[in-house]
Amino acid sequence: MGKRASDGIGLAYCKLLAKQGFNILMISRSDEKLKTVQKEVQAQNQDVIVSYEVQDLGKLSTYKEYVDRFQKVFQSIDVGILINNAGIGFTGSYLQMTYEEAEAVFALNNFHATYLCKMLMSTQTSRNERTGIIAVASLMAYYHFPWHIYYSCTKRFIEYLYQGVNFEAQADIRTKGKFDVQCYLPGFVATKLSRKEVGFTIPDTITAAEGALKDLGRREISYGVIDHHILGWLIKFLVKTIPESIIGFILMKEGEATHKKLRSKGYSFI
């Protein structure tokens, strides 16, 4: 089951899992996109079932709303792997961001990864096989990036949450050995959202998702590819060694420049 499966890393996960023989259930807000990518995913393996649910996850904000919308879906299928990939990020300073943008970032980036994980774990404790749960965060979780504060904070939340959930799952006798919980922390990946081309430290979506899948059950934190592992180590090293006033000033200037560049082109997200 994949969230935001109509493009990018989410679609890559679906294609890879279909090749491995998993039936696929995709969730996204665009019926038109889902119809198109359903055929793409089905082409990977004609023997699997590829279905979808149309839902704008940004419109759901409470656990009850998620239960009402997805409990019957969870009960009707055997979920082997849940991938929480939906997310969005707007550029702008803390004061410049509109209330609507702030609400959208938190609703889409955090609520689904929290509530769907909880729903699945609550219903899968009696499953005979292990269940995988993946949340896609970002290397931006490693610092409160100026002009991207909302986005980086939501990704930090996901990192902490999934590390904690994994620890509890392995410590609790009811869930020990039944769940593999992973937080995937990529850097830039060549997607329509990032508007980046494949190059140095920028893998394509299949390579990125494939690396994270290989780490499932082996590492609670995955960077997908070695380039991003090195970037993650570098960011953490710089944050610890460079004075806050210096690194904050540099990232403030970079964030402001990125904001102006994107907004001048009509983009409002990263």
C-alpha atoms as a PDB file:
ATOM      1  CA  MET A   1       0.000   0.000   0.000  1.00  0.00           C
ATOM      2  CA  GLY A   2       1.524   3.311  -1.047  1.00  0.00           C
ATOM      3  CA  LYS A   3       0.532   6.903  -0.260  1.00  0.00           C
ATOM      4  CA  ARG A   4       1.176   9.586  -2.880  1.00  0.00           C
ATOM      5  CA  ALA A   5       1.787   6.783  -5.336  1.00  0.00           C
ATOM      6  CA  SER A   6       0.938   8.678  -8.521  1.00  0.00           C
ATOM      7  CA  ASP A   7       4.473   9.961  -9.146  1.00  0.00           C
ATOM      8  CA  GLY A   8       8.019  10.258  -7.827  1.00  0.00           C
ATOM      9  CA  ILE A   9       9.399   7.945  -5.166  1.00  0.00           C
ATOM     10  CA  GLY A  10       5.939   6.621  -4.318  1.00  0.00           C
ATOM     11  CA  LEU A  11       5.400   5.381  -7.867  1.00  0.00           C
ATOM     12  CA  ALA A  12       8.894   3.859  -7.878  1.00  0.00           C
ATOM     13  CA  TYR A  13       8.067   1.885  -4.733  1.00  0.00           C
ATOM     14  CA  CYS A  14       4.895   0.573  -6.365  1.00  0.00           C
ATOM     15  CA  LYS A  15       6.734  -0.562  -9.509  1.00  0.00           C
ATOM     16  CA  LEU A  16       9.471  -2.296  -7.527  1.00  0.00           C
ATOM     17  CA  LEU A  17       7.044  -4.099  -5.239  1.00  0.00           C
ATOM     18  CA  ALA A  18       4.842  -5.159  -8.157  1.00  0.00           C
ATOM     19  CA  LYS A  19       7.905  -6.746  -9.773  1.00  0.00           C
ATOM     20  CA  GLN A  20       8.445  -8.690  -6.549  1.00  0.00           C
ATOM     21  CA  GLY A  21       4.890 -10.040  -6.684  1.00  0.00           C
ATOM     22  CA  PHE A  22       3.123  -7.734  -4.244  1.00  0.00           C
ATOM     23  CA  ASN A  23      -0.433  -6.658  -4.970  1.00  0.00           C
ATOM     24  CA  ILE A  24      -0.530  -2.861  -4.997  1.00  0.00           C
ATOM     25  CA  LEU A  25      -3.030  -0.412  -3.525  1.00  0.00           C
ATOM     26  CA  MET A  26      -2.205   3.206  -4.325  1.00  0.00           C
ATOM     27  CA  ILE A  27      -3.674   6.264  -2.612  1.00  0.00           C
ATOM     28  CA  SER A  28      -3.508   9.746  -4.099  1.00  0.00           C
ATOM     29  CA  ARG A  29      -5.756  12.734  -4.712  1.00  0.00           C
ATOM     30  CA  SER A  30      -5.840  12.619  -8.518  1.00  0.00           C
ATOM     31  CA  ASP A  31      -8.132  10.064 -10.124  1.00  0.00           C
ATOM     32  CA  GLU A  32      -6.751  10.901 -13.567  1.00  0.00           C
ATOM     33  CA  LYS A  33      -3.138  10.341 -12.504  1.00  0.00           C
ATOM     34  CA  LEU A  34      -3.987   7.136 -10.668  1.00  0.00           C
ATOM     35  CA  LYS A  35      -5.685   5.673 -13.739  1.00  0.00           C
ATOM     36  CA  THR A  36      -2.549   6.376 -15.774  1.00  0.00           C
ATOM     37  CA  VAL A  37      -0.002   5.032 -13.295  1.00  0.00           C
ATOM     38  CA  GLN A  38      -2.183   1.998 -12.560  1.00  0.00           C
ATOM     39  CA  LYS A  39      -1.374   0.832 -16.081  1.00  0.00           C
ATOM     40  CA  GLU A  40       2.338   1.599 -15.602  1.00  0.00           C
ATOM     41  CA  VAL A  41       2.509  -0.429 -12.416  1.00  0.00           C
ATOM     42  CA  GLN A  42       0.440  -3.269 -13.866  1.00  0.00           C
ATOM     43  CA  ALA A  43       2.902  -3.488 -16.760  1.00  0.00           C
ATOM     44  CA  GLN A  44       5.618  -4.500 -14.279  1.00  0.00           C
ATOM     45  CA  ASN A  45       3.790  -7.731 -13.462  1.00  0.00           C
ATOM     46  CA  GLN A  46       0.553  -8.911 -15.063  1.00  0.00           C
ATOM     47  CA  ASP A  47       0.000 -11.445 -12.275  1.00  0.00           C
ATOM     48  CA  VAL A  48      -0.542  -8.922  -9.470  1.00  0.00           C
ATOM     49  CA  ILE A  49      -3.608  -6.860  -8.626  1.00  0.00           C
ATOM     50  CA  VAL A  50      -3.114  -3.099  -8.912  1.00  0.00           C
ATOM     51  CA  SER A  51      -5.886  -0.959  -7.432  1.00  0.00           C
ATOM     52  CA  TYR A  52      -6.231   2.542  -6.038  1.00  0.00           C
ATOM     53  CA  GLU A  53      -8.190   4.807  -3.721  1.00  0.00           C
ATOM     54  CA  VAL A  54      -8.750   8.499  -4.483  1.00  0.00           C
ATOM     55  CA  GLN A  55      -8.222  10.635  -1.397  1.00  0.00           C
ATOM     56  CA  ASP A  56      -6.597  13.984  -0.706  1.00  0.00           C
ATOM     57  CA  LEU A  57      -4.800  13.171   2.537  1.00  0.00           C
ATOM     58  CA  GLY A  58      -4.296  16.857   3.167  1.00  0.00           C
ATOM     59  CA  LYS A  59      -8.050  17.093   3.858  1.00  0.00           C
ATOM     60  CA  LEU A  60      -7.892  14.631   6.769  1.00  0.00           C
ATOM     61  CA  SER A  61      -6.634  15.928  10.102  1.00  0.00           C
ATOM     62  CA  THR A  62      -7.899  13.647  12.890  1.00  0.00           C
ATOM     63  CA  TYR A  63      -7.426   9.988  13.745  1.00  0.00           C
ATOM     64  CA  LYS A  64     -11.201   9.456  13.562  1.00  0.00           C
ATOM     65  CA  GLU A  65     -11.274  10.798  10.006  1.00  0.00           C
ATOM     66  CA  TYR A  66      -8.550   8.334   9.011  1.00  0.00           C
ATOM     67  CA  VAL A  67     -10.364   5.448  10.707  1.00  0.00           C
ATOM     68  CA  ASP A  68     -13.650   6.330   9.018  1.00  0.00           C
ATOM     69  CA  ARG A  69     -11.945   6.560   5.609  1.00  0.00           C
ATOM     70  CA  PHE A  70      -9.474   3.656   5.707  1.00  0.00           C
ATOM     71  CA  GLN A  71     -10.411   1.116   8.390  1.00  0.00           C
ATOM     72  CA  LYS A  72     -12.566  -0.933   6.028  1.00  0.00           C
ATOM     73  CA  VAL A  73      -9.806  -0.759   3.416  1.00  0.00           C
ATOM     74  CA  PHE A  74      -7.248  -2.119   5.898  1.00  0.00           C
ATOM     75  CA  GLN A  75      -9.616  -4.868   6.995  1.00  0.00           C
ATOM     76  CA  SER A  76     -10.308  -6.006   3.421  1.00  0.00           C
ATOM     77  CA  ILE A  77      -6.687  -6.624   2.396  1.00  0.00           C
ATOM     78  CA  ASP A  78      -3.526  -8.184   3.796  1.00  0.00           C
ATOM     79  CA  VAL A  79      -1.038  -5.312   4.096  1.00  0.00           C
ATOM     80  CA  GLY A  80       2.537  -6.590   3.820  1.00  0.00           C
ATOM     81  CA  ILE A  81       4.200  -3.190   3.431  1.00  0.00           C
ATOM     82  CA  LEU A  82       2.799   0.272   4.141  1.00  0.00           C
ATOM     83  CA  ILE A  83       4.658   3.183   2.552  1.00  0.00           C
ATOM     84  CA  ASN A  84       3.826   6.678   3.791  1.00  0.00           C
ATOM     85  CA  ASN A  85       5.256   8.969   1.143  1.00  0.00           C
ATOM     86  CA  ALA A  86       2.776  11.833   0.811  1.00  0.00           C
ATOM     87  CA  GLY A  87       4.254  15.240   1.499  1.00  0.00           C
ATOM     88  CA  ILE A  88       4.671  18.836   0.416  1.00  0.00           C
ATOM     89  CA  GLY A  89       6.819  21.797   1.382  1.00  0.00           C
ATOM     90  CA  PHE A  90       6.409  25.523   0.733  1.00  0.00           C
ATOM     91  CA  THR A  91       9.243  28.046   0.705  1.00  0.00           C
ATOM     92  CA  GLY A  92       9.080  31.181   2.769  1.00  0.00           C
ATOM     93  CA  SER A  93      10.050  32.548   6.151  1.00  0.00           C
ATOM     94  CA  TYR A  94       8.072  31.651   9.255  1.00  0.00           C
ATOM     95  CA  LEU A  95       6.119  34.921   9.124  1.00  0.00           C
ATOM     96  CA  GLN A  96       5.643  34.926   5.358  1.00  0.00           C
ATOM     97  CA  MET A  97       4.057  31.497   5.172  1.00  0.00           C
ATOM     98  CA  THR A  98       0.275  31.695   5.023  1.00  0.00           C
ATOM     99  CA  TYR A  99      -1.903  29.850   7.523  1.00  0.00           C
ATOM    100  CA  GLU A 100      -3.219  27.700   4.684  1.00  0.00           C
ATOM    101  CA  GLU A 101       0.305  26.701   3.621  1.00  0.00           C
ATOM    102  CA  ALA A 102       1.351  25.888   7.187  1.00  0.00           C
ATOM    103  CA  GLU A 103      -1.738  23.761   7.774  1.00  0.00           C
ATOM    104  CA  ALA A 104      -1.219  21.916   4.488  1.00  0.00           C
ATOM    105  CA  VAL A 105       2.395  21.029   5.329  1.00  0.00           C
ATOM    106  CA  PHE A 106       1.562  19.587   8.752  1.00  0.00           C
ATOM    107  CA  ALA A 107      -1.625  17.848   7.624  1.00  0.00           C
ATOM    108  CA  LEU A 108      -0.027  16.127   4.660  1.00  0.00           C
ATOM    109  CA  ASN A 109       3.483  15.457   5.964  1.00  0.00           C
ATOM    110  CA  ASN A 110       2.709  14.275   9.492  1.00  0.00           C
ATOM    111  CA  PHE A 111      -0.854  13.119  10.039  1.00  0.00           C
ATOM    112  CA  HIS A 112      -0.981  10.279   7.510  1.00  0.00           C
ATOM    113  CA  ALA A 113       2.403   8.882   8.596  1.00  0.00           C
ATOM    114  CA  THR A 114       1.223   8.914  12.215  1.00  0.00           C
ATOM    115  CA  TYR A 115      -2.353   7.727  11.943  1.00  0.00           C
ATOM    116  CA  LEU A 116      -2.015   5.092   9.211  1.00  0.00           C
ATOM    117  CA  CYS A 117       0.976   3.549  10.989  1.00  0.00           C
ATOM    118  CA  LYS A 118      -1.051   3.343  14.210  1.00  0.00           C
ATOM    119  CA  MET A 119      -4.080   1.893  12.407  1.00  0.00           C
ATOM    120  CA  LEU A 120      -2.013  -0.786  10.725  1.00  0.00           C
ATOM    121  CA  MET A 121      -0.111  -1.834  13.843  1.00  0.00           C
ATOM    122  CA  SER A 122      -3.380  -2.035  15.773  1.00  0.00           C
ATOM    123  CA  THR A 123      -4.806  -4.541  13.289  1.00  0.00           C
ATOM    124  CA  GLN A 124      -1.711  -6.521  12.277  1.00  0.00           C
ATOM    125  CA  THR A 125      -0.467  -7.956  15.578  1.00  0.00           C
ATOM    126  CA  SER A 126      -2.071 -11.314  14.749  1.00  0.00           C
ATOM    127  CA  ARG A 127      -0.535 -11.481  11.257  1.00  0.00           C
ATOM    128  CA  ASN A 128       1.725 -14.525  10.843  1.00  0.00           C
ATOM    129  CA  GLU A 129       4.250 -12.744   8.637  1.00  0.00           C
ATOM    130  CA  ARG A 130       6.296  -9.613   9.348  1.00  0.00           C
ATOM    131  CA  THR A 131       4.835  -6.294   8.244  1.00  0.00           C
ATOM    132  CA  GLY A 132       6.969  -3.467   6.854  1.00  0.00           C
ATOM    133  CA  ILE A 133       6.164   0.190   7.531  1.00  0.00           C
ATOM    134  CA  ILE A 134       8.152   2.933   5.781  1.00  0.00           C
ATOM    135  CA  ALA A 135       7.870   6.699   6.108  1.00  0.00           C
ATOM    136  CA  VAL A 136       9.692   8.961   3.672  1.00  0.00           C
ATOM    137  CA  ALA A 137      11.283  11.946   5.417  1.00  0.00           C
ATOM    138  CA  SER A 138      14.269  13.986   4.176  1.00  0.00           C
ATOM    139  CA  LEU A 139      17.851  14.914   5.005  1.00  0.00           C
ATOM    140  CA  MET A 140      16.398  18.331   5.801  1.00  0.00           C
ATOM    141  CA  ALA A 141      15.312  16.735   9.082  1.00  0.00           C
ATOM    142  CA  TYR A 142      18.861  17.245  10.338  1.00  0.00           C
ATOM    143  CA  TYR A 143      18.613  21.013  10.688  1.00  0.00           C
ATOM    144  CA  HIS A 144      15.964  23.729  11.063  1.00  0.00           C
ATOM    145  CA  PHE A 145      16.560  25.108   7.574  1.00  0.00           C
ATOM    146  CA  PRO A 146      15.658  28.821   7.400  1.00  0.00           C
ATOM    147  CA  TRP A 147      12.923  29.601   4.865  1.00  0.00           C
ATOM    148  CA  HIS A 148      12.032  25.891   4.934  1.00  0.00           C
ATOM    149  CA  ILE A 149      11.299  25.653   8.664  1.00  0.00           C
ATOM    150  CA  TYR A 150       7.872  24.060   8.417  1.00  0.00           C
ATOM    151  CA  TYR A 151       9.081  21.393   5.991  1.00  0.00           C
ATOM    152  CA  SER A 152      12.268  20.503   7.876  1.00  0.00           C
ATOM    153  CA  CYS A 153      10.404  20.356  11.203  1.00  0.00           C
ATOM    154  CA  THR A 154       7.791  17.950   9.839  1.00  0.00           C
ATOM    155  CA  LYS A 155      10.548  15.700   8.534  1.00  0.00           C
ATOM    156  CA  ARG A 156      12.302  15.812  11.907  1.00  0.00           C
ATOM    157  CA  PHE A 157       9.044  14.733  13.510  1.00  0.00           C
ATOM    158  CA  ILE A 158       8.786  11.744  11.171  1.00  0.00           C
ATOM    159  CA  GLU A 159      12.376  10.707  11.879  1.00  0.00           C
ATOM    160  CA  TYR A 160      11.872  10.801  15.652  1.00  0.00           C
ATOM    161  CA  LEU A 161       8.450   9.166  15.501  1.00  0.00           C
ATOM    162  CA  TYR A 162       9.521   6.190  13.416  1.00  0.00           C
ATOM    163  CA  GLN A 163      12.688   5.575  15.411  1.00  0.00           C
ATOM    164  CA  GLY A 164      10.558   5.573  18.547  1.00  0.00           C
ATOM    165  CA  VAL A 165       7.890   3.336  17.036  1.00  0.00           C
ATOM    166  CA  ASN A 166      10.538   0.870  15.865  1.00  0.00           C
ATOM    167  CA  PHE A 167      12.094   0.752  19.344  1.00  0.00           C
ATOM    168  CA  GLU A 168       8.732   0.161  21.017  1.00  0.00           C
ATOM    169  CA  ALA A 169       7.744  -2.446  18.427  1.00  0.00           C
ATOM    170  CA  GLN A 170      10.864  -4.493  19.162  1.00  0.00           C
ATOM    171  CA  ALA A 171      10.560  -4.039  22.952  1.00  0.00           C
ATOM    172  CA  ASP A 172       6.863  -4.938  23.257  1.00  0.00           C
ATOM    173  CA  ILE A 173       6.165  -8.692  23.406  1.00  0.00           C
ATOM    174  CA  ARG A 174       2.921  -8.154  21.458  1.00  0.00           C
ATOM    175  CA  THR A 175       4.742  -6.664  18.458  1.00  0.00           C
ATOM    176  CA  LYS A 176       8.314  -7.942  18.748  1.00  0.00           C
ATOM    177  CA  GLY A 177       9.450  -9.580  15.514  1.00  0.00           C
ATOM    178  CA  LYS A 178       6.226  -8.648  13.734  1.00  0.00           C
ATOM    179  CA  PHE A 179       7.071  -5.198  12.371  1.00  0.00           C
ATOM    180  CA  ASP A 180       9.985  -3.667  10.478  1.00  0.00           C
ATOM    181  CA  VAL A 181       9.654   0.106  10.861  1.00  0.00           C
ATOM    182  CA  GLN A 182      11.899   2.338   8.777  1.00  0.00           C
ATOM    183  CA  CYS A 183      12.388   6.055   8.235  1.00  0.00           C
ATOM    184  CA  TYR A 184      13.822   6.838   4.795  1.00  0.00           C
ATOM    185  CA  LEU A 185      15.884  10.052   4.667  1.00  0.00           C
ATOM    186  CA  PRO A 186      16.736  10.928   1.057  1.00  0.00           C
ATOM    187  CA  GLY A 187      18.496  13.970  -0.276  1.00  0.00           C
ATOM    188  CA  PHE A 188      17.429  15.374  -3.636  1.00  0.00           C
ATOM    189  CA  VAL A 189      15.971  12.772  -6.004  1.00  0.00           C
ATOM    190  CA  ALA A 190      15.167  13.427  -9.674  1.00  0.00           C
ATOM    191  CA  THR A 191      11.390  13.947  -9.510  1.00  0.00           C
ATOM    192  CA  LYS A 192       8.862  16.382 -10.942  1.00  0.00           C
ATOM    193  CA  LEU A 193       8.466  17.922  -7.493  1.00  0.00           C
ATOM    194  CA  SER A 194      12.192  18.569  -6.991  1.00  0.00           C
ATOM    195  CA  ARG A 195      12.669  19.637 -10.632  1.00  0.00           C
ATOM    196  CA  LYS A 196      16.156  18.056 -10.477  1.00  0.00           C
ATOM    197  CA  GLU A 197      17.885  16.011 -13.167  1.00  0.00           C
ATOM    198  CA  VAL A 198      19.778  12.791 -12.461  1.00  0.00           C
ATOM    199  CA  GLY A 199      23.390  13.582 -11.610  1.00  0.00           C
ATOM    200  CA  PHE A 200      25.985  13.616  -8.853  1.00  0.00           C
ATOM    201  CA  THR A 201      24.205  12.931  -5.513  1.00  0.00           C
ATOM    202  CA  ILE A 202      20.842  12.998  -7.354  1.00  0.00           C
ATOM    203  CA  PRO A 203      19.621   9.458  -8.150  1.00  0.00           C
ATOM    204  CA  ASP A 204      16.558   8.509 -10.155  1.00  0.00           C
ATOM    205  CA  THR A 205      13.487   7.411  -8.224  1.00  0.00           C
ATOM    206  CA  ILE A 206      13.902   3.671  -8.870  1.00  0.00           C
ATOM    207  CA  THR A 207      17.494   3.650  -7.602  1.00  0.00           C
ATOM    208  CA  ALA A 208      16.525   5.664  -4.523  1.00  0.00           C
ATOM    209  CA  ALA A 209      13.507   3.542  -3.582  1.00  0.00           C
ATOM    210  CA  GLU A 210      15.293   0.272  -4.331  1.00  0.00           C
ATOM    211  CA  GLY A 211      18.088   1.163  -1.910  1.00  0.00           C
ATOM    212  CA  ALA A 212      15.633   1.959   0.872  1.00  0.00           C
ATOM    213  CA  LEU A 213      13.706  -1.279   0.301  1.00  0.00           C
ATOM    214  CA  LYS A 214      16.912  -3.291   0.592  1.00  0.00           C
ATOM    215  CA  ASP A 215      17.481  -1.705   4.016  1.00  0.00           C
ATOM    216  CA  LEU A 216      14.000  -2.610   5.299  1.00  0.00           C
ATOM    217  CA  GLY A 217      14.401  -5.018   8.196  1.00  0.00           C
ATOM    218  CA  ARG A 218      18.124  -4.239   8.439  1.00  0.00           C
ATOM    219  CA  ARG A 219      18.207  -0.532   9.348  1.00  0.00           C
ATOM    220  CA  GLU A 220      15.625   1.692  11.034  1.00  0.00           C
ATOM    221  CA  ILE A 221      17.145   4.674   9.196  1.00  0.00           C
ATOM    222  CA  SER A 222      17.906   4.385   5.489  1.00  0.00           C
ATOM    223  CA  TYR A 223      19.443   6.897   3.118  1.00  0.00           C
ATOM    224  CA  GLY A 224      18.729   4.754   0.061  1.00  0.00           C
ATOM    225  CA  VAL A 225      22.009   5.379  -1.756  1.00  0.00           C
ATOM    226  CA  ILE A 226      25.590   5.837  -0.568  1.00  0.00           C
ATOM    227  CA  ASP A 227      25.698   9.442  -1.856  1.00  0.00           C
ATOM    228  CA  HIS A 228      22.883  10.419   0.493  1.00  0.00           C
ATOM    229  CA  HIS A 229      24.430   8.471   3.357  1.00  0.00           C
ATOM    230  CA  ILE A 230      27.560  10.606   2.960  1.00  0.00           C
ATOM    231  CA  LEU A 231      25.478  13.785   2.687  1.00  0.00           C
ATOM    232  CA  GLY A 232      23.611  12.855   5.864  1.00  0.00           C
ATOM    233  CA  TRP A 233      26.859  12.307   7.741  1.00  0.00           C
ATOM    234  CA  LEU A 234      28.248  15.586   6.371  1.00  0.00           C
ATOM    235  CA  ILE A 235      25.193  17.617   7.399  1.00  0.00           C
ATOM    236  CA  LYS A 236      25.268  16.203  10.928  1.00  0.00           C
ATOM    237  CA  PHE A 237      29.017  16.852  11.168  1.00  0.00           C
ATOM    238  CA  LEU A 238      28.713  20.457   9.976  1.00  0.00           C
ATOM    239  CA  VAL A 239      25.784  21.185  12.280  1.00  0.00           C
ATOM    240  CA  LYS A 240      27.785  19.949  15.264  1.00  0.00           C
ATOM    241  CA  THR A 241      31.071  21.669  14.404  1.00  0.00           C
ATOM    242  CA  ILE A 242      30.196  24.993  12.767  1.00  0.00           C
ATOM    243  CA  PRO A 243      28.872  27.769  15.039  1.00  0.00           C
ATOM    244  CA  GLU A 244      25.122  28.278  14.784  1.00  0.00           C
ATOM    245  CA  SER A 245      25.583  31.918  13.764  1.00  0.00           C
ATOM    246  CA  ILE A 246      27.650  30.921  10.716  1.00  0.00           C
ATOM    247  CA  ILE A 247      25.721  27.923   9.422  1.00  0.00           C
ATOM    248  CA  GLY A 248      22.433  29.684  10.141  1.00  0.00           C
ATOM    249  CA  PHE A 249      23.535  32.779   8.191  1.00  0.00           C
ATOM    250  CA  ILE A 250      24.668  30.709   5.183  1.00  0.00           C
ATOM    251  CA  LEU A 251      21.462  28.662   5.076  1.00  0.00           C
ATOM    252  CA  MET A 252      19.342  31.775   5.596  1.00  0.00           C
ATOM    253  CA  LYS A 253      20.850  33.370   2.489  1.00  0.00           C
ATOM    254  CA  GLU A 254      20.498  30.143   0.502  1.00  0.00           C
ATOM    255  CA  GLY A 255      16.900  29.670   1.606  1.00  0.00           C
ATOM    256  CA  GLU A 256      15.940  33.245   0.750  1.00  0.00           C
ATOM    257  CA  ALA A 257      17.567  32.958  -2.700  1.00  0.00           C
ATOM    258  CA  THR A 258      15.770  29.668  -3.372  1.00  0.00           C
ATOM    259  CA  HIS A 259      12.474  31.192  -2.280  1.00  0.00           C
ATOM    260  CA  LYS A 260      12.831  34.179  -4.625  1.00  0.00           C
ATOM    261  CA  LYS A 261      13.900  31.955  -7.509  1.00  0.00           C
ATOM    262  CA  LEU A 262      10.999  29.559  -7.138  1.00  0.00           C
ATOM    263  CA  ARG A 263       8.352  32.203  -6.542  1.00  0.00           C
ATOM    264  CA  SER A 264       9.562  34.185  -9.563  1.00  0.00           C
ATOM    265  CA  LYS A 265       8.879  31.090 -11.673  1.00  0.00           C
ATOM    266  CA  GLY A 266       5.453  30.620 -10.193  1.00  0.00           C
ATOM    267  CA  TYR A 267       6.392  27.780  -7.863  1.00  0.00           C
ATOM    268  CA  SER A 268       5.500  27.865  -4.188  1.00  0.00           C
ATOM    269  CA  PHE A 269       6.819  24.484  -3.096  1.00  0.00           C
ATOM    270  CA  ILE A 270      10.148  22.679  -2.834  1.00  0.00           C
END
